[in-house]
């Protein structure tokens, strides 16, 4: 029996939202996103900064959402 990928998206629209967030984060950080989608030529510092920034934004969004419910 084939095992499903743990990376599958529950809500397909999330992929577009995350891509937009990645573009905005890269612009704010001054990082050029590769047009071909290959990140192998980027430095670890660049990809780490981008991932860290996106994670920070997602946590802020979750905190705001939780605060709005109380």
Protein backbone atom coordinates (compact mmCIF):
# COMPACT_ATOMS: atom_id res chain seq x y z
CA UNK A 1 0.00 0.00 0.00
CA UNK A 2 1.42 3.38 -1.00
CA UNK A 3 2.03 5.89 1.75
CA UNK A 4 0.69 9.39 1.13
CA UNK A 5 3.04 12.34 1.23
CA UNK A 6 3.08 14.37 4.43
CA UNK A 7 3.62 17.46 2.26
CA UNK A 8 0.24 17.29 0.54
CA UNK A 9 -1.89 20.40 0.93
CA UNK A 10 -5.25 20.12 2.61
CA UNK A 11 -6.46 23.33 0.97
CA UNK A 12 -5.08 23.76 -2.59
CA UNK A 13 -5.43 27.58 -2.48
CA UNK A 14 -2.81 27.64 0.25
CA UNK A 15 -0.11 26.91 -2.33
CA UNK A 16 -0.84 30.19 -4.13
CA UNK A 17 -0.98 32.13 -0.86
CA UNK A 18 2.37 30.70 0.26
CA UNK A 19 3.93 31.49 -3.12
CA UNK A 20 2.73 35.09 -2.82
CA UNK A 21 4.10 35.26 0.73
CA UNK A 22 7.45 33.92 -0.53
CA UNK A 23 7.61 36.61 -3.23
CA UNK A 24 6.76 39.39 -0.77
CA UNK A 25 9.30 38.11 1.77
CA UNK A 26 12.03 37.88 -0.87
CA UNK A 27 11.34 41.45 -1.97
CA UNK A 28 11.50 42.73 1.60
CA UNK A 29 14.75 40.85 2.21
CA UNK A 30 16.28 41.82 -1.13
CA UNK A 31 16.58 38.20 -2.27
CA UNK A 32 16.10 37.26 -5.92
CA UNK A 33 13.85 34.20 -6.34
CA UNK A 34 15.07 31.98 -9.21
CA UNK A 35 12.78 32.20 -12.25
CA UNK A 36 13.24 28.49 -13.00
CA UNK A 37 12.30 27.44 -9.44
CA UNK A 38 15.71 25.88 -8.78
CA UNK A 39 17.03 27.07 -5.42
CA UNK A 40 20.31 25.13 -5.61
CA UNK A 41 22.30 28.19 -6.63
CA UNK A 42 21.11 30.24 -3.65
CA UNK A 43 23.17 30.42 -0.49
CA UNK A 44 22.05 28.70 2.69
CA UNK A 45 21.87 32.13 4.29
CA UNK A 46 19.41 33.36 1.64
CA UNK A 47 17.12 30.34 1.78
CA UNK A 48 17.30 30.24 5.57
CA UNK A 49 16.46 33.92 5.84
CA UNK A 50 13.55 33.48 3.48
CA UNK A 51 12.19 30.44 5.33
CA UNK A 52 12.68 32.07 8.71
CA UNK A 53 10.90 35.23 7.60
CA UNK A 54 7.95 33.27 6.23
CA UNK A 55 7.71 31.23 9.44
CA UNK A 56 7.76 34.41 11.52
CA UNK A 57 4.94 35.88 9.41
CA UNK A 58 2.86 32.68 9.68
CA UNK A 59 3.26 32.65 13.47
CA UNK A 60 2.22 36.32 13.65
CA UNK A 61 -0.85 35.56 11.52
CA UNK A 62 -1.79 32.62 13.77
CA UNK A 63 -1.36 34.72 16.91
CA UNK A 64 -3.59 37.45 15.46
CA UNK A 65 -6.18 34.87 14.51
CA UNK A 66 -6.19 33.39 18.02
CA UNK A 67 -6.42 36.81 19.64
CA UNK A 68 -9.34 37.71 17.39
CA UNK A 69 -11.34 34.71 18.58
CA UNK A 70 -11.22 35.67 22.27
